[in-house]
Amino acid sequence: MVRQIKGLLYFYGSDQRYSLIVFSTILLAILVVSLAFTYFLASLDDVDTIFTFSLTGPMYVYCAIVGFLTVKDSVPFAIKMGATRKNLFVSTGIFFLVLSFAMALTATILQELVMALMNATGIDFFVFLHPVYFLHETWYTRVLIDTAIMFFFFTVMFLIGLLFYKYGLAGGGSFLGALLVVSLLGVAQGWLIEFVVDVFAGINLDFFYQLLGVGAVIYGISFLFLRRITTVKVR
């Protein structure tokens, strides 16, 4: 069991390495261009604007996409190679959690380096957008928040990917349609807006611990669909 889990983790890492390199290269290129534009603005007199950049926002989107595509690309291949559903479930969860933490830690280190560079050059109008600004900012809180959000996106989209894989476009589309209807009713009746406002008004670090727990629960639910999954995708 342990050897198979290690093999699956190596497979996931190798499978996602190329997409991760491409994503990181594009994100870093955009960051470099943004910093160059910031230096250009700094050379002008009387700069009265704030230049913002979201480093982790694209990472959240990347995690959601990878979580969804894992079902289509990696799971069937792993089953064909003889992986058991239990080992597949355990290794995928570990991979999602480790990758979430690694990306969160990398984002924090990169942000610290950039801000140190900004402080050294006297530029004070370049700001990173991050959910941590609702709380007391430390490197620990940034890593925790990013890990929780990324893992949540991984698990939600993995579950949705399983629904599309097992039940086809009709099953997955019906689920998303029902979710959309509930959301529209919530907006029309006002309770969804009140819920969102209450969440952001009283947000604290415990919320992200809870979000991490919700992600774990959602991933646990995914085993109900993963335990009898086959290599045949329903269309």
Protein backbone atom coordinates (compact mmCIF):
# COMPACT_ATOMS: atom_id res chain seq x y z
CA MET A 1 0.00 0.00 0.00
CA VAL A 2 2.73 2.48 1.00
CA ARG A 3 4.80 1.71 -2.09
CA GLN A 4 1.80 2.21 -4.35
CA ILE A 5 0.94 5.52 -2.69
CA LYS A 6 4.53 6.69 -3.16
CA GLY A 7 4.36 5.63 -6.80
CA LEU A 8 1.10 7.51 -7.30
CA LEU A 9 2.53 10.64 -5.69
CA TYR A 10 5.53 10.44 -8.01
CA PHE A 11 3.16 9.99 -10.95
CA TYR A 12 1.08 13.02 -9.95
CA GLY A 13 4.19 15.12 -9.52
CA SER A 14 5.58 14.10 -12.89
CA ASP A 15 2.22 14.53 -14.59
CA GLN A 16 1.69 18.07 -13.27
CA ARG A 17 5.30 19.23 -13.57
CA TYR A 18 4.98 20.58 -17.10
CA SER A 19 1.74 22.48 -16.49
CA LEU A 20 3.13 23.85 -13.23
CA ILE A 21 6.30 25.07 -14.97
CA VAL A 22 4.27 26.75 -17.73
CA PHE A 23 1.90 28.36 -15.23
CA SER A 24 4.77 29.57 -13.02
CA THR A 25 6.66 30.98 -16.00
CA ILE A 26 3.64 32.95 -17.20
CA LEU A 27 2.83 34.23 -13.72
CA LEU A 28 6.42 35.28 -13.05
CA ALA A 29 6.61 36.97 -16.47
CA ILE A 30 3.49 39.00 -15.67
CA LEU A 31 4.95 39.90 -12.27
CA VAL A 32 8.22 41.05 -13.85
CA VAL A 33 6.34 43.19 -16.37
CA SER A 34 4.26 44.67 -13.55
CA LEU A 35 7.38 45.48 -11.54
CA ALA A 36 9.01 47.06 -14.60
CA PHE A 37 5.91 49.20 -15.11
CA THR A 38 6.04 50.16 -11.43
CA TYR A 39 9.65 51.30 -11.78
CA PHE A 40 8.62 53.33 -14.80
CA LEU A 41 5.89 55.02 -12.77
CA ALA A 42 8.37 55.64 -9.97
CA SER A 43 10.57 57.57 -12.38
CA LEU A 44 7.72 60.02 -12.95
CA ASP A 45 7.02 62.87 -10.59
CA ASP A 46 3.95 63.13 -8.38
CA VAL A 47 2.68 59.53 -8.61
CA ASP A 48 -0.68 59.44 -6.85
CA THR A 49 -1.86 55.95 -7.76
CA ILE A 50 -1.60 52.51 -6.18
CA PHE A 51 -0.45 49.65 -8.39
CA THR A 52 -1.96 46.32 -7.27
CA PHE A 53 -1.08 42.77 -8.23
CA SER A 54 -2.68 39.47 -7.29
CA LEU A 55 -0.10 36.73 -6.97
CA THR A 56 -2.32 34.08 -5.40
CA GLY A 57 -5.51 34.75 -7.38
CA PRO A 58 -4.21 32.98 -10.50
CA MET A 59 -2.98 30.17 -8.24
CA TYR A 60 -6.52 29.63 -6.95
CA VAL A 61 -7.76 29.33 -10.54
CA TYR A 62 -4.92 26.94 -11.40
CA CYS A 63 -5.79 24.70 -8.46
CA ALA A 64 -9.44 24.59 -9.51
CA ILE A 65 -8.51 23.61 -13.07
CA VAL A 66 -6.03 20.95 -11.93
CA GLY A 67 -8.57 19.52 -9.48
CA PHE A 68 -11.11 19.13 -12.28
CA LEU A 69 -8.70 17.76 -14.89
CA THR A 70 -7.17 15.25 -12.47
CA VAL A 71 -10.30 13.14 -12.78
CA LYS A 72 -10.14 13.12 -16.56
CA ASP A 73 -6.40 12.76 -17.10
CA SER A 74 -4.77 11.10 -14.09
CA VAL A 75 -7.36 8.90 -12.38
CA PRO A 76 -8.18 6.59 -15.35
CA PHE A 77 -4.48 6.11 -16.13
CA ALA A 78 -3.70 5.27 -12.51
CA ILE A 79 -6.49 2.66 -12.47
CA LYS A 80 -5.18 1.12 -15.68
CA MET A 81 -1.78 0.82 -14.01
CA GLY A 82 -3.35 -1.23 -11.21
CA ALA A 83 -3.89 1.37 -8.47
CA THR A 84 -6.60 0.51 -5.96
CA ARG A 85 -9.38 3.02 -5.36
CA LYS A 86 -8.39 3.41 -1.71
CA ASN A 87 -4.75 4.14 -2.51
CA LEU A 88 -5.85 6.46 -5.28
CA PHE A 89 -8.06 8.37 -2.84
CA VAL A 90 -5.31 8.68 -0.23
CA SER A 91 -2.55 9.66 -2.65
CA THR A 92 -4.69 12.24 -4.47
CA GLY A 93 -5.66 13.89 -1.19
CA ILE A 94 -2.04 14.00 -0.04
CA PHE A 95 -0.97 15.44 -3.39
CA PHE A 96 -3.63 18.17 -3.26
CA LEU A 97 -2.67 19.14 0.29
CA VAL A 98 1.09 19.11 -0.33
CA LEU A 99 0.77 21.07 -3.56
CA SER A 100 -1.49 23.62 -1.85
CA PHE A 101 1.04 24.12 0.93
CA ALA A 102 4.00 24.28 -1.47
CA MET A 103 2.32 26.88 -3.67
CA ALA A 104 1.20 28.90 -0.64
CA LEU A 105 4.71 28.89 0.82
CA THR A 106 6.25 29.81 -2.54
CA ALA A 107 3.81 32.70 -2.96
CA THR A 108 4.63 34.00 0.52
CA ILE A 109 8.40 33.83 -0.05
CA LEU A 110 8.09 35.53 -3.44
CA GLN A 111 5.90 38.28 -2.01
CA GLU A 112 8.38 38.89 0.81
CA LEU A 113 11.25 39.17 -1.70
CA VAL A 114 9.33 41.59 -3.91
CA MET A 115 8.26 43.77 -0.99
CA ALA A 116 11.83 43.83 0.31
CA LEU A 117 12.93 45.03 -3.12
CA MET A 118 10.21 47.69 -3.13
CA ASN A 119 11.26 48.93 0.31
CA ALA A 120 14.91 49.01 -0.71
CA THR A 121 14.11 51.16 -3.74
CA GLY A 122 11.71 53.41 -1.86
CA ILE A 123 8.65 52.43 -3.87
CA ASP A 124 5.56 52.37 -1.67
CA PHE A 125 2.70 52.21 -4.18
CA PHE A 126 3.02 48.56 -5.25
CA VAL A 127 0.60 46.40 -3.26
CA PHE A 128 -0.22 42.69 -3.37
CA LEU A 129 -3.92 41.84 -3.18
CA HIS A 130 -4.51 39.06 -0.65
CA PRO A 131 -7.31 37.90 1.68
CA VAL A 132 -4.91 38.29 4.62
CA TYR A 133 -5.60 42.03 4.63
CA PHE A 134 -8.87 41.24 6.42
CA LEU A 135 -6.72 39.95 9.29
CA HIS A 136 -3.41 40.63 11.04
CA GLU A 137 -0.80 39.97 8.37
CA THR A 138 2.03 37.54 9.07
CA TRP A 139 3.75 34.98 6.88
CA TYR A 140 2.01 32.23 8.84
CA THR A 141 -1.48 33.60 8.22
CA ARG A 142 -0.76 34.05 4.51
CA VAL A 143 0.44 30.46 4.16
CA LEU A 144 -2.54 29.13 6.13
CA ILE A 145 -5.08 31.16 4.16
CA ASP A 146 -3.63 30.22 0.78
CA THR A 147 -3.32 26.55 1.71
CA ALA A 148 -6.95 26.44 2.88
CA ILE A 149 -8.31 28.21 -0.20
CA MET A 150 -6.24 26.21 -2.68
CA PHE A 151 -7.09 22.89 -1.06
CA PHE A 152 -10.77 23.88 -1.02
CA PHE A 153 -10.69 24.63 -4.75
CA PHE A 154 -8.84 21.38 -5.42
CA THR A 155 -11.45 19.29 -3.61
CA VAL A 156 -14.55 21.08 -4.90
CA MET A 157 -13.49 20.84 -8.52
CA PHE A 158 -12.29 17.27 -8.05
CA LEU A 159 -15.75 16.33 -6.81
CA ILE A 160 -17.41 18.15 -9.70
CA GLY A 161 -15.01 16.41 -12.09
CA LEU A 162 -16.06 13.04 -10.67
CA LEU A 163 -19.73 13.91 -11.22
CA PHE A 164 -19.07 14.74 -14.87
CA TYR A 165 -16.90 11.64 -15.30
CA LYS A 166 -19.35 9.17 -13.76
CA TYR A 167 -22.65 10.67 -14.87
CA GLY A 168 -21.70 12.54 -17.99
CA LEU A 169 -22.73 15.99 -19.12
CA ALA A 170 -26.33 15.39 -17.99
CA GLY A 171 -25.37 14.47 -14.43
CA GLY A 172 -22.69 17.13 -13.95
CA GLY A 173 -24.75 19.76 -15.72
CA SER A 174 -27.77 18.97 -13.57
CA PHE A 175 -25.72 19.42 -10.42
CA LEU A 176 -24.33 22.77 -11.57
CA GLY A 177 -27.78 23.82 -12.74
CA ALA A 178 -29.31 23.01 -9.36
CA LEU A 179 -26.48 24.89 -7.65
CA LEU A 180 -27.14 27.90 -9.88
CA VAL A 181 -30.86 27.84 -9.13
CA VAL A 182 -30.22 27.71 -5.38
CA SER A 183 -27.77 30.60 -5.70
CA LEU A 184 -30.24 32.70 -7.69
CA LEU A 185 -32.99 31.99 -5.15
CA GLY A 186 -30.58 32.93 -2.37
CA VAL A 187 -29.78 36.23 -4.05
CA ALA A 188 -33.46 36.95 -4.80
CA GLN A 189 -34.55 36.18 -1.23
CA GLY A 190 -31.56 37.96 0.26
CA TRP A 191 -30.28 35.21 2.55
CA LEU A 192 -27.25 34.44 0.36
CA ILE A 193 -26.15 38.08 0.32
CA GLU A 194 -26.63 38.32 4.08
CA PHE A 195 -24.59 35.16 4.54
CA VAL A 196 -21.70 36.51 2.44
CA VAL A 197 -21.79 39.86 4.24
CA ASP A 198 -21.80 38.15 7.64
CA VAL A 199 -18.87 35.95 6.64
CA PHE A 200 -16.70 38.86 5.49
CA ALA A 201 -17.78 41.09 8.37
CA GLY A 202 -16.78 38.57 11.01
CA ILE A 203 -13.92 36.87 9.17
CA ASN A 204 -11.02 35.67 11.29
CA LEU A 205 -8.31 33.04 11.18
CA ASP A 206 -10.71 30.38 12.46
CA PHE A 207 -12.71 30.78 9.26
CA PHE A 208 -9.80 29.45 7.19
CA TYR A 209 -9.26 26.55 9.58
CA GLN A 210 -12.92 25.76 9.03
CA LEU A 211 -12.51 26.17 5.27
CA LEU A 212 -9.66 23.67 5.36
CA GLY A 213 -11.93 21.31 7.29
CA VAL A 214 -14.75 21.81 4.79
CA GLY A 215 -12.34 20.96 2.01
CA ALA A 216 -11.40 17.75 3.84
CA VAL A 217 -15.09 16.84 4.25
CA ILE A 218 -15.79 17.50 0.57
CA TYR A 219 -12.84 15.35 -0.37
CA GLY A 220 -14.14 12.60 1.92
CA ILE A 221 -17.48 12.73 0.09
CA SER A 222 -15.65 12.28 -3.22
CA PHE A 223 -14.71 8.74 -2.14
CA LEU A 224 -18.35 7.74 -2.56
CA PHE A 225 -17.92 8.40 -6.28
CA LEU A 226 -14.30 7.32 -6.54
CA ARG A 227 -14.60 3.89 -4.92
CA ARG A 228 -16.42 2.35 -7.93
CA ILE A 229 -15.01 4.50 -10.68
CA THR A 230 -13.97 2.76 -13.91
CA THR A 231 -11.80 3.74 -16.84
CA VAL A 232 -14.91 4.27 -18.97
CA LYS A 233 -16.08 7.88 -18.98
CA VAL A 234 -19.80 8.52 -19.33
CA ARG A 235 -20.55 11.07 -22.05
